[in-house]
Amino acid sequence: MHIINFNTSKPSRIHRLKYIFPILIALMSVNVSKAQVSENSELFKTLKTKDSLVFNVGFNQCDINQFDQLISNDFEFYHDQGGAYLTKVDFINSIKTNICAISYKPRRELVKGSLKVYPLYKNGILYGAIQMGRHRFYAIETGKPERLTGIALFTTLWIKTGENWQMKRILSYDHKEEPTDENAGISFFDNREAVNQWLADNKVPAVGIGIIEDGKLKDVKVFGELQKGDAAPFNTIFSIASLTKPITSMLTLKLVSMGKWDLDEPLDHYWIDPDIKDNPWHKKLTTRIILSHQTGFANWRYLNADKKLAFQFEPGTKYQYSGEGFEYLRRALEHKFHTTLDKLADSLIFKPLHMQDSHYVWSDAIDTGRYAHNFDPKGNMLPVPKNKNANAADLVKTTIADYGQFAAAAMNGKLFSQKVYNEMITRQVHTKGDKYMGLGWEIYDMGNGQYALGHGGNEDGVHTQVFLLPQSKKGIVIFTNVSDGYKLYTKIIEDCLGEDGKRIIDIELK
């Protein structure tokens, strides 16, 4: 972490490092071809996840609790340019002062393919591991493009106590202002200049990409402009259209898991829309029917000739995508719990997942200086949708970081019980080809027992998409601020999800 200004009151201890480093390097070089573990091993995956929690959550998002939990009480940090911190308290205070309280936000990114893990044994018992890799650091300033500030090597000593792993030592060294020979493992989306040109060529103002690996949000990338001449920052706020629906779905399933809501209870116990009160089919409407898009409603009632809500077929008999169904559910929830949907979401989803930049309703809390203005395909800027009331199907504003955390939690079953999670991923109705509708998510049959979850959003000035692979714990979140942003999807999905991404695209195009 080259951007911290280090000071130490024990220069003699630092002086001794010049004798210690050669010994450490020699020891780590002995028989490494046999000692290094595979990327598919449980040890590698465990420590990669721990590294992600420390840096992607603790460092990048200033979640100090991660440092407190994952570093040992006798922790020491050594830096080849800035000195050292020799106590846990001093190190955490330096993060608060030099990372979380400065005018720009630093971001750390692990260089793809650089991570290596070497286990440590004593008498045949695993007691620790050495983790090595290379990482980049970026500076994020409001209204300016994210800029690379340096690249460095790191070595971490992890110690295992029971089933817990904690960082005991970190060495940070070989700092460079610009990468020179670090092209291996770099994707197209690591080249900011090339990506921004790609956006200009495709007439897409901005794109945000969230990459999930090992069940955690690993990386956030934002490119382009909020509006002409105004660079999109790392924490850009996007309007996400129908990616609102998974949030509404997950908070409803959380209520089910808590025993406060029933998937199959008729919703007429709480709400009957005046337009359909005389049609007995309204008694068939349940949460399961709505979350799987089997209500029989058009997408929106204004699409009907008389602009009124009406059944186009008997609920539960076939699939038809409908935002009206979700709005029907919202009214039932609000009548049952005597509060608004946005307040339910704040208490059940946003606050527990620390989604501080997520809003169902436009308010003064939204930083307009970070909002990605919406555009039509001709480049005309559209009005900002400043809705005063929550919509269960649309209009949530959020960031890639927030939605990535939400998507990972949903994929991992962290929001509700295993029983409810199993209901969520059960195929409720066939939609087309190898696609089915679960509860709140589309289900993609990938073959060989593999599946993916997905959902998209599309309206004037917005195109968004999320795909999740629960079995491999991978995923991708894509936000764009233009109506035809979908034209970027193929390159992003294939680059980030590889063969799985290609299979998803094949299913979509059939």
Protein backbone atom coordinates (compact mmCIF):
# COMPACT_ATOMS: atom_id res chain seq x y z
CA MET A 1 0.00 0.00 0.00
CA HIS A 2 2.39 2.60 -1.30
CA ILE A 3 0.14 5.57 -0.77
CA ILE A 4 0.33 5.55 3.05
CA ASN A 5 2.80 7.96 4.64
CA PHE A 6 4.70 5.83 7.10
CA ASN A 7 6.52 6.86 10.22
CA THR A 8 8.09 4.71 12.92
CA SER A 9 9.60 5.27 16.29
CA LYS A 10 11.85 2.18 15.98
CA PRO A 11 14.33 2.83 13.15
CA SER A 12 16.73 0.20 14.44
CA ARG A 13 14.13 -2.50 13.83
CA ILE A 14 13.58 -1.30 10.27
CA HIS A 15 17.34 -1.19 9.73
CA ARG A 16 17.50 -4.91 10.52
CA LEU A 17 15.13 -5.61 7.60
CA LYS A 18 17.97 -5.33 5.08
CA TYR A 19 19.41 -8.45 6.70
CA ILE A 20 16.07 -10.20 7.15
CA PHE A 21 14.75 -9.79 3.58
CA PRO A 22 17.49 -11.89 1.88
CA ILE A 23 16.86 -14.70 4.37
CA LEU A 24 13.10 -14.56 3.78
CA ILE A 25 13.56 -14.59 0.01
CA ALA A 26 15.97 -17.50 0.20
CA LEU A 27 13.63 -19.50 2.41
CA MET A 28 10.66 -18.84 0.13
CA SER A 29 12.68 -19.87 -2.90
CA VAL A 30 13.44 -23.37 -1.63
CA ASN A 31 11.55 -26.04 -3.54
CA VAL A 32 8.70 -23.65 -4.47
CA SER A 33 7.63 -25.82 -7.39
CA LYS A 34 6.47 -28.42 -4.87
CA ALA A 35 5.24 -26.04 -2.19
CA GLN A 36 2.93 -23.81 -4.21
CA VAL A 37 -0.71 -24.94 -4.06
CA SER A 38 -3.11 -25.08 -6.99
CA GLU A 39 -5.58 -22.25 -7.64
CA ASN A 40 -8.32 -24.89 -7.29
CA SER A 41 -7.23 -25.92 -3.79
CA GLU A 42 -9.31 -25.00 -0.76
CA LEU A 43 -6.33 -23.21 0.81
CA PHE A 44 -5.83 -21.00 -2.24
CA LYS A 45 -9.53 -20.15 -2.44
CA THR A 46 -9.75 -19.46 1.30
CA LEU A 47 -6.81 -17.05 1.33
CA LYS A 48 -7.88 -15.38 -1.90
CA THR A 49 -11.24 -14.67 -0.23
CA LYS A 50 -9.47 -13.35 2.89
CA ASP A 51 -7.28 -11.10 0.74
CA SER A 52 -10.42 -9.81 -0.99
CA LEU A 53 -12.09 -9.03 2.34
CA VAL A 54 -9.05 -7.10 3.54
CA PHE A 55 -8.53 -5.08 0.38
CA ASN A 56 -11.75 -4.98 -1.68
CA VAL A 57 -13.96 -4.46 1.36
CA GLY A 58 -11.62 -3.11 4.05
CA PHE A 59 -9.26 -0.95 1.99
CA ASN A 60 -11.42 -0.03 -1.03
CA GLN A 61 -14.62 0.58 0.93
CA CYS A 62 -13.04 1.71 4.25
CA ASP A 63 -14.78 -1.04 6.22
CA ILE A 64 -12.44 -0.92 9.23
CA ASN A 65 -14.12 -3.97 10.81
CA GLN A 66 -12.44 -6.16 8.19
CA PHE A 67 -8.98 -5.08 9.38
CA ASP A 68 -9.91 -5.58 13.01
CA GLN A 69 -11.13 -9.13 12.38
CA LEU A 70 -8.54 -10.33 9.87
CA ILE A 71 -5.24 -9.07 11.26
CA SER A 72 -3.60 -10.51 14.37
CA ASN A 73 -2.93 -8.58 17.55
CA ASP A 74 0.85 -8.80 16.94
CA PHE A 75 0.54 -7.63 13.34
CA GLU A 76 3.43 -5.83 11.58
CA PHE A 77 3.47 -4.03 8.21
CA TYR A 78 6.70 -3.31 6.31
CA HIS A 79 6.95 -1.00 3.30
CA ASP A 80 10.05 -0.56 1.14
CA GLN A 81 9.56 3.19 0.77
CA GLY A 82 7.48 4.36 3.70
CA GLY A 83 8.78 2.46 6.71
CA ALA A 84 6.68 0.28 8.96
CA TYR A 85 3.78 -0.01 11.37
CA LEU A 86 4.64 -2.36 14.20
CA THR A 87 1.31 -2.59 16.02
CA LYS A 88 -2.21 -3.44 14.94
CA VAL A 89 -3.61 -0.23 16.45
CA ASP A 90 -1.12 2.00 14.62
CA PHE A 91 -1.82 0.27 11.31
CA ILE A 92 -5.60 0.61 11.63
CA ASN A 93 -5.25 4.26 12.64
CA SER A 94 -3.10 4.85 9.55
CA ILE A 95 -5.86 3.42 7.36
CA LYS A 96 -8.41 5.72 8.98
CA THR A 97 -6.18 8.76 8.58
CA ASN A 98 -4.34 8.16 5.31
CA ILE A 99 -6.90 6.18 3.32
CA CYS A 100 -10.41 6.92 4.56
CA ALA A 101 -10.04 10.62 5.37
CA ILE A 102 -8.19 11.98 2.34
CA SER A 103 -9.63 14.06 -0.50
CA TYR A 104 -9.51 11.25 -3.06
CA LYS A 105 -10.37 7.57 -2.62
CA PRO A 106 -7.60 5.04 -3.28
CA ARG A 107 -8.53 1.68 -4.78
CA ARG A 108 -6.48 -1.51 -4.77
CA GLU A 109 -6.76 -4.07 -7.56
CA LEU A 110 -5.13 -7.51 -7.58
CA VAL A 111 -3.31 -8.23 -10.86
CA LYS A 112 -5.13 -11.14 -12.45
CA GLY A 113 -3.16 -14.41 -12.33
CA SER A 114 -0.43 -13.06 -10.03
CA LEU A 115 -1.58 -14.62 -6.74
CA LYS A 116 0.43 -17.55 -5.32
CA VAL A 117 0.05 -19.43 -2.04
CA TYR A 118 2.68 -21.54 -0.22
CA PRO A 119 1.48 -23.57 2.79
CA LEU A 120 3.51 -23.76 6.02
CA TYR A 121 3.63 -27.00 8.01
CA LYS A 122 5.08 -28.10 11.32
CA ASN A 123 5.11 -31.80 12.19
CA GLY A 124 2.72 -32.38 9.31
CA ILE A 125 0.17 -29.85 10.60
CA LEU A 126 -0.80 -26.79 8.55
CA TYR A 127 -0.17 -23.74 10.73
CA GLY A 128 0.06 -20.94 8.18
CA ALA A 129 0.73 -19.87 4.61
CA ILE A 130 2.69 -17.32 2.59
CA GLN A 131 0.60 -15.46 0.01
CA MET A 132 2.36 -13.50 -2.74
CA GLY A 133 1.08 -11.38 -5.58
CA ARG A 134 1.15 -8.08 -7.42
CA HIS A 135 -1.37 -5.29 -7.07
CA ARG A 136 -2.18 -1.94 -8.61
CA PHE A 137 -3.43 1.19 -6.90
CA TYR A 138 -5.72 3.82 -8.37
CA ALA A 139 -6.85 7.28 -7.26
CA ILE A 140 -10.57 8.06 -7.48
CA GLU A 141 -11.62 11.71 -7.47
CA THR A 142 -15.12 13.05 -8.07
CA GLY A 143 -15.51 14.34 -11.60
CA LYS A 144 -12.17 12.97 -12.78
CA PRO A 145 -11.25 9.71 -14.51
CA GLU A 146 -9.78 7.04 -12.26
CA ARG A 147 -5.98 7.12 -12.60
CA LEU A 148 -3.33 4.51 -11.94
CA THR A 149 -0.92 5.63 -9.22
CA GLY A 150 1.39 2.64 -8.98
CA ILE A 151 2.03 -1.08 -8.91
CA ALA A 152 3.82 -3.21 -6.32
CA LEU A 153 4.54 -6.71 -5.03
CA PHE A 154 3.22 -7.95 -1.71
CA THR A 155 3.91 -10.92 0.56
CA THR A 156 1.49 -11.80 3.34
CA LEU A 157 2.10 -14.21 6.21
CA TRP A 158 -1.18 -15.82 7.28
CA ILE A 159 -1.40 -17.79 10.54
CA LYS A 160 -4.09 -20.41 11.21
CA THR A 161 -5.59 -20.71 14.67
CA GLY A 162 -8.22 -23.43 14.77
CA GLU A 163 -10.36 -22.69 11.72
CA ASN A 164 -9.52 -18.97 11.67
CA TRP A 165 -6.92 -17.26 9.49
CA GLN A 166 -5.33 -13.91 10.34
CA MET A 167 -2.64 -11.75 8.74
CA LYS A 168 0.49 -11.61 10.89
CA ARG A 169 2.92 -9.82 8.57
CA ILE A 170 2.71 -7.90 5.29
CA LEU A 171 5.69 -6.94 3.16
CA SER A 172 4.96 -4.34 0.45
CA TYR A 173 7.81 -3.73 -2.00
CA ASP A 174 9.03 -3.20 -5.60
CA HIS A 175 6.84 -0.11 -6.00
CA LYS A 176 6.68 1.47 -9.45
CA GLU A 177 4.81 4.50 -10.66
CA GLU A 178 3.76 2.83 -13.91
CA PRO A 179 3.54 -0.85 -14.86
CA THR A 180 6.32 -1.88 -17.25
CA ASP A 181 6.18 -5.59 -17.89
CA GLU A 182 2.91 -6.53 -16.27
CA ASN A 183 0.85 -7.41 -19.33
CA ALA A 184 0.27 -11.07 -18.49
CA GLY A 185 -3.26 -11.71 -17.29
CA ILE A 186 -4.47 -8.21 -18.16
CA SER A 187 -7.85 -8.05 -19.87
CA PHE A 188 -9.13 -5.45 -22.29
CA PHE A 189 -10.89 -3.76 -19.38
CA ASP A 190 -7.57 -3.07 -17.65
CA ASN A 191 -6.72 -0.62 -20.45
CA ARG A 192 -8.72 2.48 -19.55
CA GLU A 193 -7.75 4.47 -22.62
CA ALA A 194 -8.80 1.63 -24.95
CA VAL A 195 -12.10 1.12 -23.13
CA ASN A 196 -12.98 4.81 -23.24
CA GLN A 197 -12.31 4.83 -26.99
CA TRP A 198 -14.49 1.72 -27.34
CA LEU A 199 -17.31 3.53 -25.53
CA ALA A 200 -16.94 6.55 -27.80
CA ASP A 201 -17.04 4.32 -30.88
CA ASN A 202 -20.25 2.69 -29.64
CA LYS A 203 -21.77 5.98 -28.45
CA VAL A 204 -22.17 4.74 -24.87
CA PRO A 205 -21.54 7.55 -22.35
CA ALA A 206 -20.67 5.37 -19.34
CA VAL A 207 -20.44 1.75 -18.27
CA GLY A 208 -19.98 0.21 -14.83
CA ILE A 209 -18.75 -3.36 -14.38
CA GLY A 210 -18.78 -5.38 -11.17
CA ILE A 211 -16.85 -8.68 -11.14
CA ILE A 212 -17.75 -11.36 -8.58
CA GLU A 213 -15.33 -14.20 -7.86
CA ASP A 214 -15.28 -16.75 -5.04
CA GLY A 215 -18.66 -15.40 -3.95
CA LYS A 216 -17.30 -11.90 -3.28
CA LEU A 217 -17.33 -8.64 -5.21
CA LYS A 218 -13.74 -8.70 -6.47
CA ASP A 219 -13.53 -5.65 -8.66
CA VAL A 220 -15.43 -2.53 -9.71
CA LYS A 221 -14.64 -0.72 -12.95
CA VAL A 222 -16.38 2.43 -14.21
CA PHE A 223 -15.54 4.07 -17.53
CA GLY A 224 -16.80 7.02 -19.56
CA GLU A 225 -18.66 10.18 -18.60
CA LEU A 226 -21.60 11.20 -16.44
CA GLN A 227 -22.33 13.81 -19.10
CA LYS A 228 -20.21 15.55 -21.69
CA GLY A 229 -16.85 16.47 -20.19
CA ASP A 230 -17.66 15.08 -16.72
CA ALA A 231 -15.71 11.88 -16.07
CA ALA A 232 -17.56 9.02 -14.35
CA PRO A 233 -15.97 8.19 -10.97
CA PHE A 234 -15.53 4.76 -9.40
CA ASN A 235 -18.66 5.30 -7.25
CA THR A 236 -20.94 6.56 -10.04
CA ILE A 237 -24.66 6.34 -9.23
CA PHE A 238 -26.74 4.72 -11.98
CA SER A 239 -30.46 4.34 -12.50
CA ILE A 240 -30.91 0.57 -12.97
CA ALA A 241 -34.45 0.13 -14.40
CA SER A 242 -35.72 -3.44 -13.86
CA LEU A 243 -32.71 -4.56 -11.84
CA THR A 244 -34.93 -3.06 -9.15
CA LYS A 245 -37.06 -6.23 -9.31
CA PRO A 246 -34.44 -8.59 -7.82
CA ILE A 247 -34.09 -6.24 -4.84
CA THR A 248 -37.85 -6.24 -4.28
CA SER A 249 -37.87 -10.02 -4.74
CA MET A 250 -35.07 -10.62 -2.24
CA LEU A 251 -36.55 -8.39 0.46
CA THR A 252 -39.86 -10.23 0.02
CA LEU A 253 -38.15 -13.62 0.29
CA LYS A 254 -36.35 -12.39 3.38
CA LEU A 255 -39.75 -11.64 4.93
CA VAL A 256 -40.80 -15.17 3.99
CA SER A 257 -37.67 -16.56 5.66
CA MET A 258 -38.45 -14.52 8.78
CA GLY A 259 -41.93 -16.07 8.95
CA LYS A 260 -43.63 -12.72 8.34
CA TRP A 261 -44.87 -13.39 4.79
CA ASP A 262 -46.21 -16.38 2.88
CA LEU A 263 -45.28 -17.23 -0.70
CA ASP A 264 -48.65 -18.81 -1.43
CA GLU A 265 -51.08 -16.71 0.61
CA PRO A 266 -53.64 -14.92 -1.61
CA LEU A 267 -52.71 -11.25 -1.79
CA ASP A 268 -56.34 -10.17 -1.65
CA HIS A 269 -55.96 -10.49 2.13
CA TYR A 270 -54.02 -7.23 1.92
CA TRP A 271 -54.75 -5.56 -1.42
CA ILE A 272 -57.25 -5.71 -4.30
CA ASP A 273 -56.75 -3.30 -7.19
CA PRO A 274 -60.04 -1.50 -7.95
CA ASP A 275 -59.64 -2.27 -11.68
CA ILE A 276 -59.91 -6.04 -11.11
CA LYS A 277 -62.06 -6.29 -7.99
CA ASP A 278 -64.94 -7.80 -9.94
CA ASN A 279 -62.80 -10.48 -11.59
CA PRO A 280 -62.53 -13.60 -9.38
CA TRP A 281 -59.07 -14.32 -10.78
CA HIS A 282 -57.67 -11.72 -8.38
CA LYS A 283 -58.03 -14.40 -5.66
CA LYS A 284 -55.37 -16.46 -7.45
CA LEU A 285 -52.66 -13.80 -7.12
CA THR A 286 -49.87 -14.83 -4.73
CA THR A 287 -46.28 -13.77 -4.17
CA ARG A 288 -45.04 -16.89 -5.97
CA ILE A 289 -47.19 -16.05 -9.00
CA ILE A 290 -45.87 -12.47 -9.06
CA LEU A 291 -42.16 -13.23 -8.56
CA SER A 292 -42.31 -15.76 -11.41
CA HIS A 293 -44.23 -13.38 -13.73
CA GLN A 294 -47.39 -15.46 -14.09
CA THR A 295 -49.96 -12.80 -13.10
CA GLY A 296 -51.64 -12.47 -16.50
CA PHE A 297 -51.03 -8.71 -16.43
CA ALA A 298 -49.45 -6.66 -19.22
CA ASN A 299 -46.08 -5.17 -18.36
CA TRP A 300 -47.81 -1.87 -17.53
CA ARG A 301 -51.51 -1.02 -17.47
CA TYR A 302 -51.01 2.03 -19.67
CA LEU A 303 -50.29 -0.39 -22.52
CA ASN A 304 -53.95 -1.49 -22.42
CA ALA A 305 -56.40 0.43 -24.59
CA ASP A 306 -58.34 1.74 -21.57
CA LYS A 307 -55.18 2.24 -19.43
CA LYS A 308 -56.66 0.03 -16.73
CA LEU A 309 -55.26 -3.08 -15.06
CA ALA A 310 -56.72 -6.27 -16.55
CA PHE A 311 -56.03 -10.00 -16.77
CA GLN A 312 -54.95 -11.25 -20.18
CA PHE A 313 -55.02 -14.88 -19.01
CA GLU A 314 -55.67 -16.83 -15.82
CA PRO A 315 -52.89 -16.31 -13.22
CA GLY A 316 -50.49 -19.23 -12.84
CA THR A 317 -51.09 -20.72 -16.29
CA LYS A 318 -48.16 -19.24 -18.23
CA TYR A 319 -45.32 -16.71 -18.24
CA GLN A 320 -45.67 -13.02 -19.14
CA TYR A 321 -43.25 -10.40 -17.85
CA SER A 322 -45.03 -7.75 -15.81
CA GLY A 323 -43.93 -4.73 -13.81
CA GLU A 324 -47.55 -4.29 -12.74
CA GLY A 325 -47.32 -7.55 -10.83
CA PHE A 326 -44.48 -6.17 -8.72
CA GLU A 327 -46.40 -2.98 -8.06
CA TYR A 328 -49.34 -5.12 -6.94
CA LEU A 329 -46.99 -6.88 -4.52
CA ARG A 330 -45.70 -3.53 -3.24
CA ARG A 331 -49.18 -2.40 -2.31
CA ALA A 332 -49.86 -5.67 -0.49
CA LEU A 333 -46.60 -5.42 1.46
CA GLU A 334 -47.20 -1.79 2.40
CA HIS A 335 -50.75 -2.53 3.61
CA LYS A 336 -49.56 -5.53 5.62
CA PHE A 337 -46.61 -3.81 7.32
CA HIS A 338 -47.99 -0.25 7.45
CA THR A 339 -44.86 1.25 5.94
CA THR A 340 -43.43 2.04 2.52
CA LEU A 341 -41.37 -0.28 0.33
CA ASP A 342 -38.32 1.97 0.49
CA LYS A 343 -38.30 1.78 4.28
CA LEU A 344 -38.64 -2.00 4.17
CA ALA A 345 -35.71 -2.16 1.75
CA ASP A 346 -33.59 0.10 3.96
CA SER A 347 -34.09 -2.14 7.00
CA LEU A 348 -33.98 -5.54 5.30
CA ILE A 349 -31.48 -5.11 2.46
CA PHE A 350 -29.65 -1.79 2.21
CA LYS A 351 -28.49 -1.27 5.80
CA PRO A 352 -27.53 -4.91 6.50
CA LEU A 353 -25.45 -4.98 3.30
CA HIS A 354 -24.02 -1.46 3.84
CA MET A 355 -25.57 -0.25 0.57
CA GLN A 356 -25.26 3.43 1.43
CA ASP A 357 -25.70 4.66 -2.14
CA SER A 358 -28.92 2.75 -2.92
CA HIS A 359 -32.33 4.44 -3.05
CA TYR A 360 -35.84 3.53 -4.18
CA VAL A 361 -36.90 7.19 -3.92
CA TRP A 362 -35.06 10.28 -5.14
CA SER A 363 -33.88 12.38 -2.23
CA ASP A 364 -31.34 15.02 -1.22
CA ALA A 365 -29.15 12.15 0.03
CA ILE A 366 -28.29 11.27 -3.57
CA ASP A 367 -25.04 12.91 -4.67
CA THR A 368 -26.03 14.48 -8.00
CA GLY A 369 -22.36 15.07 -8.75
CA ARG A 370 -21.96 11.31 -9.15
CA TYR A 371 -25.15 10.57 -11.09
CA ALA A 372 -24.79 9.07 -14.60
CA HIS A 373 -27.20 11.11 -16.70
CA ASN A 374 -29.30 9.06 -19.10
CA PHE A 375 -29.11 9.33 -22.90
CA ASP A 376 -31.04 8.08 -25.89
CA PRO A 377 -29.20 6.36 -28.81
CA LYS A 378 -28.85 9.71 -30.61
CA GLY A 379 -26.93 11.22 -27.73
CA ASN A 380 -29.74 13.37 -26.34
CA MET A 381 -29.64 13.71 -22.56
CA LEU A 382 -32.90 12.71 -20.85
CA PRO A 383 -34.49 14.19 -17.69
CA VAL A 384 -33.36 12.70 -14.37
CA PRO A 385 -36.16 10.43 -13.03
CA LYS A 386 -36.69 12.02 -9.61
CA ASN A 387 -39.51 9.78 -8.38
CA LYS A 388 -41.10 10.72 -5.04
CA ASN A 389 -42.57 7.27 -4.36
CA ALA A 390 -41.03 3.80 -4.45
CA ASN A 391 -41.68 1.61 -7.46
CA ALA A 392 -41.20 -2.12 -6.86
CA ALA A 393 -40.22 -2.78 -10.47
CA ASP A 394 -38.14 0.22 -11.51
CA LEU A 395 -36.23 3.43 -10.74
CA VAL A 396 -33.78 2.34 -8.01
CA LYS A 397 -30.55 4.34 -8.07
CA THR A 398 -27.38 2.59 -6.91
CA THR A 399 -23.68 1.98 -7.57
CA ILE A 400 -21.86 -1.03 -8.97
CA ALA A 401 -20.24 -1.56 -5.56
CA ASP A 402 -23.61 -1.63 -3.77
CA TYR A 403 -25.38 -3.84 -6.31
CA GLY A 404 -22.39 -6.16 -6.53
CA GLN A 405 -22.55 -6.73 -2.77
CA PHE A 406 -26.28 -7.35 -3.04
CA ALA A 407 -25.93 -9.79 -5.96
CA ALA A 408 -23.19 -11.76 -4.19
CA ALA A 409 -25.27 -12.00 -1.01
CA ALA A 410 -28.30 -13.21 -2.99
CA MET A 411 -26.22 -15.77 -4.89
CA ASN A 412 -24.64 -17.09 -1.69
CA GLY A 413 -27.97 -17.45 0.11
CA LYS A 414 -26.92 -14.97 2.78
CA LEU A 415 -30.25 -13.13 2.84
CA PHE A 416 -32.56 -15.95 3.92
CA SER A 417 -32.84 -19.61 4.88
CA GLN A 418 -31.70 -22.51 2.72
CA LYS A 419 -35.32 -23.57 2.28
CA VAL A 420 -36.26 -20.19 0.81
CA TYR A 421 -33.09 -20.13 -1.29
CA ASN A 422 -34.09 -23.49 -2.78
CA GLU A 423 -37.49 -22.02 -3.66
CA MET A 424 -35.76 -19.07 -5.33
CA ILE A 425 -33.71 -21.28 -7.69
CA THR A 426 -36.55 -23.72 -8.45
CA ARG A 427 -37.87 -23.49 -12.00
CA GLN A 428 -41.38 -22.09 -11.61
CA VAL A 429 -42.26 -21.70 -15.32
CA HIS A 430 -40.54 -22.20 -18.68
CA THR A 431 -39.93 -18.98 -20.62
CA LYS A 432 -38.05 -20.01 -23.78
CA GLY A 433 -35.31 -22.36 -24.93
CA ASP A 434 -33.05 -23.17 -21.99
CA LYS A 435 -34.48 -20.38 -19.84
CA TYR A 436 -36.89 -20.61 -16.93
CA MET A 437 -38.26 -18.22 -14.35
CA GLY A 438 -37.47 -18.82 -10.70
CA LEU A 439 -38.48 -16.44 -7.92
CA GLY A 440 -37.14 -13.02 -8.88
CA TRP A 441 -34.43 -14.42 -11.17
CA GLU A 442 -34.30 -15.98 -14.61
CA ILE A 443 -32.67 -19.42 -14.55
CA TYR A 444 -30.35 -20.47 -17.38
CA ASP A 445 -29.82 -24.21 -17.97
CA MET A 446 -26.09 -24.32 -18.75
CA GLY A 447 -26.02 -28.11 -19.24
CA ASN A 448 -24.31 -30.84 -17.17
CA GLY A 449 -26.28 -29.83 -14.09
CA GLN A 450 -24.93 -26.27 -14.16
CA TYR A 451 -27.15 -23.20 -14.04
CA ALA A 452 -26.93 -19.42 -13.99
CA LEU A 453 -29.20 -16.73 -12.57
CA GLY A 454 -29.83 -13.52 -14.43
CA HIS A 455 -31.92 -10.39 -14.78
CA GLY A 456 -31.87 -7.31 -16.98
CA GLY A 457 -33.16 -3.78 -16.99
CA ASN A 458 -34.23 -1.68 -19.95
CA GLU A 459 -35.95 1.67 -20.33
CA ASP A 460 -35.27 5.04 -21.94
CA GLY A 461 -31.68 5.97 -21.13
CA VAL A 462 -30.89 2.77 -19.19
CA HIS A 463 -29.68 -0.73 -19.97
CA THR A 464 -28.43 -2.98 -17.18
CA GLN A 465 -27.70 -6.67 -16.66
CA VAL A 466 -26.58 -9.14 -14.00
CA PHE A 467 -25.54 -12.79 -14.34
CA LEU A 468 -24.63 -15.07 -11.42
CA LEU A 469 -23.11 -18.56 -11.38
CA PRO A 470 -23.88 -19.97 -7.91
CA GLN A 471 -21.93 -23.21 -8.37
CA SER A 472 -18.65 -21.53 -9.33
CA LYS A 473 -19.39 -18.42 -7.23
CA LYS A 474 -18.78 -16.07 -10.15
CA GLY A 475 -20.86 -13.22 -11.50
CA ILE A 476 -21.00 -10.00 -13.47
CA VAL A 477 -22.97 -6.77 -12.99
CA ILE A 478 -23.21 -4.30 -15.89
CA PHE A 479 -24.74 -0.81 -15.79
CA THR A 480 -25.00 1.58 -18.75
CA ASN A 481 -26.69 4.97 -19.03
CA VAL A 482 -27.98 4.71 -22.60
CA SER A 483 -30.99 2.94 -24.13
CA ASP A 484 -28.93 0.62 -26.35
CA GLY A 485 -26.17 -0.18 -23.86
CA TYR A 486 -26.80 -3.88 -24.51
CA LYS A 487 -24.42 -3.70 -27.50
CA LEU A 488 -21.51 -3.78 -25.03
CA TYR A 489 -22.67 -6.92 -23.26
CA THR A 490 -21.13 -9.66 -25.41
CA LYS A 491 -17.55 -8.38 -25.06
CA ILE A 492 -17.91 -7.72 -21.32
CA ILE A 493 -19.56 -11.05 -20.52
CA GLU A 494 -17.12 -13.13 -22.56
CA ASP A 495 -14.11 -11.28 -21.16
CA CYS A 496 -15.23 -11.60 -17.55
CA LEU A 497 -17.02 -14.98 -17.51
CA GLY A 498 -15.15 -16.86 -20.25
CA GLU A 499 -16.80 -20.06 -21.51
CA ASP A 500 -19.70 -19.66 -19.08
CA GLY A 501 -20.31 -16.21 -20.52
CA LYS A 502 -20.35 -17.59 -24.04
CA ARG A 503 -22.89 -20.23 -23.04
CA ILE A 504 -25.14 -17.57 -21.47
CA ILE A 505 -24.96 -15.51 -24.66
CA ASP A 506 -25.83 -18.57 -26.75
CA ILE A 507 -28.92 -19.17 -24.60
CA GLU A 508 -29.96 -15.53 -24.90
CA LEU A 509 -29.62 -15.51 -28.69
CA LYS A 510 -31.62 -18.69 -29.31
